[in-house]
Amino acid sequence: AEGVARGPADGSVLFVAGNGPISINK
């Protein structure tokens, strides 16, 4: 998640995520 969040925002790199990084860890 950290790598994609800091990467290019041009659609070339996307994050496949589950509940943990998006809904739970915060």
mmCIF file of all heavy atoms, coordinates in Angstrom:
data_MODEL
# 
_entry.id   MODEL 
# 
loop_
_atom_site.group_PDB 
_atom_site.id 
_atom_site.type_symbol 
_atom_site.label_atom_id 
_atom_site.label_alt_id 
_atom_site.label_comp_id 
_atom_site.label_asym_id 
_atom_site.label_entity_id 
_atom_site.label_seq_id 
_atom_site.pdbx_PDB_ins_code 
_atom_site.Cartn_x 
_atom_site.Cartn_y 
_atom_site.Cartn_z 
_atom_site.occupancy 
_atom_site.B_iso_or_equiv 
_atom_site.pdbx_formal_charge 
_atom_site.auth_seq_id 
_atom_site.auth_comp_id 
_atom_site.auth_asym_id 
_atom_site.auth_atom_id 
_atom_site.pdbx_PDB_model_num 
ATOM 1   N N   . ALA A 1 1  ? 0.827   -1.211 0.000   1.00 0.00 ? 1  ALA A N   1 
ATOM 2   C CA  . ALA A 1 1  ? 0.000   0.000  0.000   1.00 0.00 ? 1  ALA A CA  1 
ATOM 3   C C   . ALA A 1 1  ? 0.859   1.258  0.000   1.00 0.00 ? 1  ALA A C   1 
ATOM 4   O O   . ALA A 1 1  ? 0.595   2.211  -0.754  1.00 0.00 ? 1  ALA A O   1 
ATOM 5   C CB  . ALA A 1 1  ? -0.921  0.007  1.219   1.00 0.00 ? 1  ALA A CB  1 
ATOM 6   N N   . GLU A 1 2  ? 1.884   1.266  0.820   1.00 0.00 ? 2  GLU A N   1 
ATOM 7   C CA  . GLU A 1 2  ? 2.761   2.434  0.892   1.00 0.00 ? 2  GLU A CA  1 
ATOM 8   C C   . GLU A 1 2  ? 3.442   2.682  -0.448  1.00 0.00 ? 2  GLU A C   1 
ATOM 9   O O   . GLU A 1 2  ? 3.525   3.827  -0.928  1.00 0.00 ? 2  GLU A O   1 
ATOM 10  C CB  . GLU A 1 2  ? 3.812   2.238  1.981   1.00 0.00 ? 2  GLU A CB  1 
ATOM 11  C CG  . GLU A 1 2  ? 4.767   3.418  2.131   1.00 0.00 ? 2  GLU A CG  1 
ATOM 12  C CD  . GLU A 1 2  ? 5.862   3.172  3.153   1.00 0.00 ? 2  GLU A CD  1 
ATOM 13  O OE1 . GLU A 1 2  ? 6.015   2.021  3.611   1.00 0.00 ? 2  GLU A OE1 1 
ATOM 14  O OE2 . GLU A 1 2  ? 6.571   4.140  3.492   1.00 0.00 ? 2  GLU A OE2 1 
ATOM 15  N N   . GLY A 1 3  ? 3.923   1.608  -1.077  1.00 0.00 ? 3  GLY A N   1 
ATOM 16  C CA  . GLY A 1 3  ? 4.607   1.760  -2.353  1.00 0.00 ? 3  GLY A CA  1 
ATOM 17  C C   . GLY A 1 3  ? 3.712   2.326  -3.437  1.00 0.00 ? 3  GLY A C   1 
ATOM 18  O O   . GLY A 1 3  ? 4.120   3.214  -4.191  1.00 0.00 ? 3  GLY A O   1 
ATOM 19  N N   . VAL A 1 4  ? 2.467   1.845  -3.514  1.00 0.00 ? 4  VAL A N   1 
ATOM 20  C CA  . VAL A 1 4  ? 1.553   2.341  -4.536  1.00 0.00 ? 4  VAL A CA  1 
ATOM 21  C C   . VAL A 1 4  ? 1.113   3.765  -4.222  1.00 0.00 ? 4  VAL A C   1 
ATOM 22  O O   . VAL A 1 4  ? 1.014   4.615  -5.123  1.00 0.00 ? 4  VAL A O   1 
ATOM 23  C CB  . VAL A 1 4  ? 0.335   1.413  -4.677  1.00 0.00 ? 4  VAL A CB  1 
ATOM 24  C CG1 . VAL A 1 4  ? -0.660  1.984  -5.683  1.00 0.00 ? 4  VAL A CG1 1 
ATOM 25  C CG2 . VAL A 1 4  ? 0.776   0.011  -5.114  1.00 0.00 ? 4  VAL A CG2 1 
ATOM 26  N N   . ALA A 1 5  ? 0.856   4.050  -2.950  1.00 0.00 ? 5  ALA A N   1 
ATOM 27  C CA  . ALA A 1 5  ? 0.426   5.400  -2.565  1.00 0.00 ? 5  ALA A CA  1 
ATOM 28  C C   . ALA A 1 5  ? 1.461   6.447  -2.941  1.00 0.00 ? 5  ALA A C   1 
ATOM 29  O O   . ALA A 1 5  ? 1.111   7.576  -3.300  1.00 0.00 ? 5  ALA A O   1 
ATOM 30  C CB  . ALA A 1 5  ? 0.139   5.451  -1.067  1.00 0.00 ? 5  ALA A CB  1 
ATOM 31  N N   . ARG A 1 6  ? 2.736   6.076  -2.889  1.00 0.00 ? 6  ARG A N   1 
ATOM 32  C CA  . ARG A 1 6  ? 3.817   7.021  -3.199  1.00 0.00 ? 6  ARG A CA  1 
ATOM 33  C C   . ARG A 1 6  ? 4.275   6.933  -4.655  1.00 0.00 ? 6  ARG A C   1 
ATOM 34  O O   . ARG A 1 6  ? 5.184   7.646  -5.072  1.00 0.00 ? 6  ARG A O   1 
ATOM 35  C CB  . ARG A 1 6  ? 5.002   6.757  -2.269  1.00 0.00 ? 6  ARG A CB  1 
ATOM 36  C CG  . ARG A 1 6  ? 4.678   7.030  -0.803  1.00 0.00 ? 6  ARG A CG  1 
ATOM 37  C CD  . ARG A 1 6  ? 5.887   6.805  0.079   1.00 0.00 ? 6  ARG A CD  1 
ATOM 38  N NE  . ARG A 1 6  ? 5.603   7.110  1.481   1.00 0.00 ? 6  ARG A NE  1 
ATOM 39  C CZ  . ARG A 1 6  ? 6.468   7.007  2.473   1.00 0.00 ? 6  ARG A CZ  1 
ATOM 40  N NH1 . ARG A 1 6  ? 7.710   6.603  2.215   1.00 0.00 ? 6  ARG A NH1 1 
ATOM 41  N NH2 . ARG A 1 6  ? 6.127   7.303  3.710   1.00 0.00 ? 6  ARG A NH2 1 
ATOM 42  N N   . GLY A 1 7  ? 3.651   6.048  -5.422  1.00 0.00 ? 7  GLY A N   1 
ATOM 43  C CA  . GLY A 1 7  ? 4.057   5.844  -6.802  1.00 0.00 ? 7  GLY A CA  1 
ATOM 44  C C   . GLY A 1 7  ? 3.342   6.763  -7.767  1.00 0.00 ? 7  GLY A C   1 
ATOM 45  O O   . GLY A 1 7  ? 2.623   7.694  -7.367  1.00 0.00 ? 7  GLY A O   1 
ATOM 46  N N   . PRO A 1 8  ? 3.503   6.527  -9.058  1.00 0.00 ? 8  PRO A N   1 
ATOM 47  C CA  . PRO A 1 8  ? 2.898   7.388  -10.074 1.00 0.00 ? 8  PRO A CA  1 
ATOM 48  C C   . PRO A 1 8  ? 1.373   7.288  -10.058 1.00 0.00 ? 8  PRO A C   1 
ATOM 49  O O   . PRO A 1 8  ? 0.816   6.197  -9.913  1.00 0.00 ? 8  PRO A O   1 
ATOM 50  C CB  . PRO A 1 8  ? 3.474   6.840  -11.390 1.00 0.00 ? 8  PRO A CB  1 
ATOM 51  C CG  . PRO A 1 8  ? 3.846   5.426  -11.081 1.00 0.00 ? 8  PRO A CG  1 
ATOM 52  C CD  . PRO A 1 8  ? 4.285   5.421  -9.652  1.00 0.00 ? 8  PRO A CD  1 
ATOM 53  N N   . ALA A 1 9  ? 0.712   8.427  -10.207 1.00 0.00 ? 9  ALA A N   1 
ATOM 54  C CA  . ALA A 1 9  ? -0.759  8.473  -10.223 1.00 0.00 ? 9  ALA A CA  1 
ATOM 55  C C   . ALA A 1 9  ? -1.253  8.591  -11.661 1.00 0.00 ? 9  ALA A C   1 
ATOM 56  O O   . ALA A 1 9  ? -2.032  9.490  -11.998 1.00 0.00 ? 9  ALA A O   1 
ATOM 57  C CB  . ALA A 1 9  ? -1.253  9.630  -9.376  1.00 0.00 ? 9  ALA A CB  1 
ATOM 58  N N   . ASP A 1 10 ? -0.787  7.688  -12.508 1.00 0.00 ? 10 ASP A N   1 
ATOM 59  C CA  . ASP A 1 10 ? -1.150  7.745  -13.919 1.00 0.00 ? 10 ASP A CA  1 
ATOM 60  C C   . ASP A 1 10 ? -1.836  6.471  -14.408 1.00 0.00 ? 10 ASP A C   1 
ATOM 61  O O   . ASP A 1 10 ? -2.023  6.272  -15.604 1.00 0.00 ? 10 ASP A O   1 
ATOM 62  C CB  . ASP A 1 10 ? 0.095   8.006  -14.770 1.00 0.00 ? 10 ASP A CB  1 
ATOM 63  C CG  . ASP A 1 10 ? 1.183   6.938  -14.570 1.00 0.00 ? 10 ASP A CG  1 
ATOM 64  O OD1 . ASP A 1 10 ? 0.930   5.951  -13.832 1.00 0.00 ? 10 ASP A OD1 1 
ATOM 65  O OD2 . ASP A 1 10 ? 2.282   7.085  -15.137 1.00 0.00 ? 10 ASP A OD2 1 
ATOM 66  N N   . GLY A 1 11 ? -2.202  5.603  -13.465 1.00 0.00 ? 11 GLY A N   1 
ATOM 67  C CA  . GLY A 1 11 ? -2.871  4.365  -13.831 1.00 0.00 ? 11 GLY A CA  1 
ATOM 68  C C   . GLY A 1 11 ? -1.947  3.234  -14.197 1.00 0.00 ? 11 GLY A C   1 
ATOM 69  O O   . GLY A 1 11 ? -2.409  2.143  -14.523 1.00 0.00 ? 11 GLY A O   1 
ATOM 70  N N   . SER A 1 12 ? -0.645  3.447  -14.133 1.00 0.00 ? 12 SER A N   1 
ATOM 71  C CA  . SER A 1 12 ? 0.301   2.395  -14.505 1.00 0.00 ? 12 SER A CA  1 
ATOM 72  C C   . SER A 1 12 ? 0.553   1.413  -13.360 1.00 0.00 ? 12 SER A C   1 
ATOM 73  O O   . SER A 1 12 ? 1.001   0.294  -13.588 1.00 0.00 ? 12 SER A O   1 
ATOM 74  C CB  . SER A 1 12 ? 1.629   3.002  -14.957 1.00 0.00 ? 12 SER A CB  1 
ATOM 75  O OG  . SER A 1 12 ? 2.252   3.715  -13.896 1.00 0.00 ? 12 SER A OG  1 
ATOM 76  N N   . VAL A 1 13 ? 0.284   1.843  -12.119 1.00 0.00 ? 13 VAL A N   1 
ATOM 77  C CA  . VAL A 1 13 ? 0.497   0.991  -10.944 1.00 0.00 ? 13 VAL A CA  1 
ATOM 78  C C   . VAL A 1 13 ? -0.752  1.089  -10.065 1.00 0.00 ? 13 VAL A C   1 
ATOM 79  O O   . VAL A 1 13 ? -1.134  2.175  -9.632  1.00 0.00 ? 13 VAL A O   1 
ATOM 80  C CB  . VAL A 1 13 ? 1.737   1.413  -10.138 1.00 0.00 ? 13 VAL A CB  1 
ATOM 81  C CG1 . VAL A 1 13 ? 1.952   0.466  -8.967  1.00 0.00 ? 13 VAL A CG1 1 
ATOM 82  C CG2 . VAL A 1 13 ? 2.974   1.452  -11.019 1.00 0.00 ? 13 VAL A CG2 1 
ATOM 83  N N   . LEU A 1 14 ? -1.381  -0.060 -9.807  1.00 0.00 ? 14 LEU A N   1 
ATOM 84  C CA  . LEU A 1 14 ? -2.593  -0.107 -8.994  1.00 0.00 ? 14 LEU A CA  1 
ATOM 85  C C   . LEU A 1 14 ? -2.390  -1.092 -7.852  1.00 0.00 ? 14 LEU A C   1 
ATOM 86  O O   . LEU A 1 14 ? -1.518  -1.964 -7.895  1.00 0.00 ? 14 LEU A O   1 
ATOM 87  C CB  . LEU A 1 14 ? -3.787  -0.529 -9.853  1.00 0.00 ? 14 LEU A CB  1 
ATOM 88  C CG  . LEU A 1 14 ? -4.081  0.356  -11.077 1.00 0.00 ? 14 LEU A CG  1 
ATOM 89  C CD1 . LEU A 1 14 ? -5.197  -0.256 -11.914 1.00 0.00 ? 14 LEU A CD1 1 
ATOM 90  C CD2 . LEU A 1 14 ? -4.446  1.771  -10.641 1.00 0.00 ? 14 LEU A CD2 1 
ATOM 91  N N   . PHE A 1 15 ? -3.197  -0.951 -6.816  1.00 0.00 ? 15 PHE A N   1 
ATOM 92  C CA  . PHE A 1 15 ? -3.066  -1.738 -5.596  1.00 0.00 ? 15 PHE A CA  1 
ATOM 93  C C   . PHE A 1 15 ? -4.226  -2.715 -5.488  1.00 0.00 ? 15 PHE A C   1 
ATOM 94  O O   . PHE A 1 15 ? -5.383  -2.313 -5.562  1.00 0.00 ? 15 PHE A O   1 
ATOM 95  C CB  . PHE A 1 15 ? -3.048  -0.785 -4.399  1.00 0.00 ? 15 PHE A CB  1 
ATOM 96  C CG  . PHE A 1 15 ? -2.908  -1.456 -3.052  1.00 0.00 ? 15 PHE A CG  1 
ATOM 97  C CD1 . PHE A 1 15 ? -2.114  -2.578 -2.878  1.00 0.00 ? 15 PHE A CD1 1 
ATOM 98  C CD2 . PHE A 1 15 ? -3.564  -0.928 -1.942  1.00 0.00 ? 15 PHE A CD2 1 
ATOM 99  C CE1 . PHE A 1 15 ? -1.980  -3.184 -1.641  1.00 0.00 ? 15 PHE A CE1 1 
ATOM 100 C CE2 . PHE A 1 15 ? -3.423  -1.513 -0.694  1.00 0.00 ? 15 PHE A CE2 1 
ATOM 101 C CZ  . PHE A 1 15 ? -2.645  -2.651 -0.536  1.00 0.00 ? 15 PHE A CZ  1 
ATOM 102 N N   . VAL A 1 16 ? -3.912  -4.005 -5.350  1.00 0.00 ? 16 VAL A N   1 
ATOM 103 C CA  . VAL A 1 16 ? -4.927  -5.012 -5.073  1.00 0.00 ? 16 VAL A CA  1 
ATOM 104 C C   . VAL A 1 16 ? -4.974  -5.192 -3.559  1.00 0.00 ? 16 VAL A C   1 
ATOM 105 O O   . VAL A 1 16 ? -4.033  -5.707 -2.958  1.00 0.00 ? 16 VAL A O   1 
ATOM 106 C CB  . VAL A 1 16 ? -4.611  -6.342 -5.772  1.00 0.00 ? 16 VAL A CB  1 
ATOM 107 C CG1 . VAL A 1 16 ? -5.617  -7.414 -5.364  1.00 0.00 ? 16 VAL A CG1 1 
ATOM 108 C CG2 . VAL A 1 16 ? -4.620  -6.156 -7.287  1.00 0.00 ? 16 VAL A CG2 1 
ATOM 109 N N   . ALA A 1 17 ? -6.059  -4.740 -2.947  1.00 0.00 ? 17 ALA A N   1 
ATOM 110 C CA  . ALA A 1 17 ? -6.134  -4.675 -1.485  1.00 0.00 ? 17 ALA A CA  1 
ATOM 111 C C   . ALA A 1 17 ? -7.322  -5.444 -0.959  1.00 0.00 ? 17 ALA A C   1 
ATOM 112 O O   . ALA A 1 17 ? -8.333  -5.614 -1.646  1.00 0.00 ? 17 ALA A O   1 
ATOM 113 C CB  . ALA A 1 17 ? -6.226  -3.220 -1.031  1.00 0.00 ? 17 ALA A CB  1 
ATOM 114 N N   . GLY A 1 18 ? -7.198  -5.880 0.281   1.00 0.00 ? 18 GLY A N   1 
ATOM 115 C CA  . GLY A 1 18 ? -8.306  -6.455 1.019   1.00 0.00 ? 18 GLY A CA  1 
ATOM 116 C C   . GLY A 1 18 ? -8.710  -5.543 2.144   1.00 0.00 ? 18 GLY A C   1 
ATOM 117 O O   . GLY A 1 18 ? -8.312  -4.375 2.213   1.00 0.00 ? 18 GLY A O   1 
ATOM 118 N N   . ASN A 1 19 ? -9.474  -6.084 3.071   1.00 0.00 ? 19 ASN A N   1 
ATOM 119 C CA  . ASN A 1 19 ? -9.995  -5.283 4.182   1.00 0.00 ? 19 ASN A CA  1 
ATOM 120 C C   . ASN A 1 19 ? -8.897  -4.625 5.005   1.00 0.00 ? 19 ASN A C   1 
ATOM 121 O O   . ASN A 1 19 ? -9.029  -3.464 5.403   1.00 0.00 ? 19 ASN A O   1 
ATOM 122 C CB  . ASN A 1 19 ? -10.821 -6.164 5.122   1.00 0.00 ? 19 ASN A CB  1 
ATOM 123 C CG  . ASN A 1 19 ? -11.915 -6.936 4.425   1.00 0.00 ? 19 ASN A CG  1 
ATOM 124 O OD1 . ASN A 1 19 ? -11.640 -7.731 3.545   1.00 0.00 ? 19 ASN A OD1 1 
ATOM 125 N ND2 . ASN A 1 19 ? -13.148 -6.714 4.816   1.00 0.00 ? 19 ASN A ND2 1 
ATOM 126 N N   . GLY A 1 20 ? -7.817  -5.374 5.269   1.00 0.00 ? 20 GLY A N   1 
ATOM 127 C CA  . GLY A 1 20 ? -6.809  -4.903 6.210   1.00 0.00 ? 20 GLY A CA  1 
ATOM 128 C C   . GLY A 1 20 ? -6.251  -3.527 5.931   1.00 0.00 ? 20 GLY A C   1 
ATOM 129 O O   . GLY A 1 20 ? -6.452  -2.596 6.718   1.00 0.00 ? 20 GLY A O   1 
ATOM 130 N N   . PRO A 1 21 ? -5.534  -3.332 4.821   1.00 0.00 ? 21 PRO A N   1 
ATOM 131 C CA  . PRO A 1 21 ? -4.899  -2.029 4.576   1.00 0.00 ? 21 PRO A CA  1 
ATOM 132 C C   . PRO A 1 21 ? -5.876  -0.877 4.383   1.00 0.00 ? 21 PRO A C   1 
ATOM 133 O O   . PRO A 1 21 ? -5.546  0.269  4.665   1.00 0.00 ? 21 PRO A O   1 
ATOM 134 C CB  . PRO A 1 21 ? -4.104  -2.268 3.283   1.00 0.00 ? 21 PRO A CB  1 
ATOM 135 C CG  . PRO A 1 21 ? -3.944  -3.738 3.187   1.00 0.00 ? 21 PRO A CG  1 
ATOM 136 C CD  . PRO A 1 21 ? -5.173  -4.317 3.805   1.00 0.00 ? 21 PRO A CD  1 
ATOM 137 N N   . ILE A 1 22 ? -7.106  -1.177 3.928   1.00 0.00 ? 22 ILE A N   1 
ATOM 138 C CA  . ILE A 1 22 ? -8.046  -0.116 3.603   1.00 0.00 ? 22 ILE A CA  1 
ATOM 139 C C   . ILE A 1 22 ? -9.034  0.168  4.728   1.00 0.00 ? 22 ILE A C   1 
ATOM 140 O O   . ILE A 1 22 ? -9.288  1.338  5.067   1.00 0.00 ? 22 ILE A O   1 
ATOM 141 C CB  . ILE A 1 22 ? -8.820  -0.467 2.316   1.00 0.00 ? 22 ILE A CB  1 
ATOM 142 C CG1 . ILE A 1 22 ? -7.858  -0.670 1.135   1.00 0.00 ? 22 ILE A CG1 1 
ATOM 143 C CG2 . ILE A 1 22 ? -9.851  0.610  1.989   1.00 0.00 ? 22 ILE A CG2 1 
ATOM 144 C CD1 . ILE A 1 22 ? -7.052  0.553  0.759   1.00 0.00 ? 22 ILE A CD1 1 
ATOM 145 N N   . SER A 1 23 ? -9.587  -0.868 5.341   1.00 0.00 ? 23 SER A N   1 
ATOM 146 C CA  . SER A 1 23 ? -10.689 -0.681 6.292   1.00 0.00 ? 23 SER A CA  1 
ATOM 147 C C   . SER A 1 23 ? -10.323 -0.910 7.750   1.00 0.00 ? 23 SER A C   1 
ATOM 148 O O   . SER A 1 23 ? -11.023 -0.422 8.639   1.00 0.00 ? 23 SER A O   1 
ATOM 149 C CB  . SER A 1 23 ? -11.851 -1.625 5.943   1.00 0.00 ? 23 SER A CB  1 
ATOM 150 O OG  . SER A 1 23 ? -12.351 -1.379 4.662   1.00 0.00 ? 23 SER A OG  1 
ATOM 151 N N   . ILE A 1 24 ? -9.263  -1.683 8.004   1.00 0.00 ? 24 ILE A N   1 
ATOM 152 C CA  . ILE A 1 24 ? -9.007  -2.139 9.374   1.00 0.00 ? 24 ILE A CA  1 
ATOM 153 C C   . ILE A 1 24 ? -7.807  -1.459 10.019  1.00 0.00 ? 24 ILE A C   1 
ATOM 154 O O   . ILE A 1 24 ? -7.894  -0.927 11.130  1.00 0.00 ? 24 ILE A O   1 
ATOM 155 C CB  . ILE A 1 24 ? -8.803  -3.667 9.398   1.00 0.00 ? 24 ILE A CB  1 
ATOM 156 C CG1 . ILE A 1 24 ? -10.068 -4.374 8.903   1.00 0.00 ? 24 ILE A CG1 1 
ATOM 157 C CG2 . ILE A 1 24 ? -8.452  -4.142 10.801  1.00 0.00 ? 24 ILE A CG2 1 
ATOM 158 C CD1 . ILE A 1 24 ? -9.936  -5.887 8.811   1.00 0.00 ? 24 ILE A CD1 1 
ATOM 159 N N   . ASN A 1 25 ? -6.660  -1.460 9.326   1.00 0.00 ? 25 ASN A N   1 
ATOM 160 C CA  . ASN A 1 25 ? -5.408  -1.050 9.968   1.00 0.00 ? 25 ASN A CA  1 
ATOM 161 C C   . ASN A 1 25 ? -5.430  0.364  10.531  1.00 0.00 ? 25 ASN A C   1 
ATOM 162 O O   . ASN A 1 25 ? -4.762  0.659  11.521  1.00 0.00 ? 25 ASN A O   1 
ATOM 163 C CB  . ASN A 1 25 ? -4.235  -1.194 8.988   1.00 0.00 ? 25 ASN A CB  1 
ATOM 164 C CG  . ASN A 1 25 ? -3.942  -2.650 8.665   1.00 0.00 ? 25 ASN A CG  1 
ATOM 165 O OD1 . ASN A 1 25 ? -4.376  -3.554 9.361   1.00 0.00 ? 25 ASN A OD1 1 
ATOM 166 N ND2 . ASN A 1 25 ? -3.216  -2.884 7.594   1.00 0.00 ? 25 ASN A ND2 1 
ATOM 167 N N   . LYS A 1 26 ? -6.193  1.251  9.919   1.00 0.00 ? 26 LYS A N   1 
ATOM 168 C CA  . LYS A 1 26 ? -6.248  2.632  10.403  1.00 0.00 ? 26 LYS A CA  1 
ATOM 169 C C   . LYS A 1 26 ? -6.848  2.722  11.796  1.00 0.00 ? 26 LYS A C   1 
ATOM 170 O O   . LYS A 1 26 ? -6.639  3.724  12.503  1.00 0.00 ? 26 LYS A O   1 
ATOM 171 C CB  . LYS A 1 26 ? -7.035  3.505  9.430   1.00 0.00 ? 26 LYS A CB  1 
ATOM 172 C CG  . LYS A 1 26 ? -8.502  3.117  9.267   1.00 0.00 ? 26 LYS A CG  1 
ATOM 173 C CD  . LYS A 1 26 ? -9.159  3.973  8.202   1.00 0.00 ? 26 LYS A CD  1 
ATOM 174 C CE  . LYS A 1 26 ? -10.629 3.596  7.995   1.00 0.00 ? 26 LYS A CE  1 
ATOM 175 N NZ  . LYS A 1 26 ? -11.246 4.425  6.938   1.00 0.00 ? 26 LYS A NZ  1 
# 
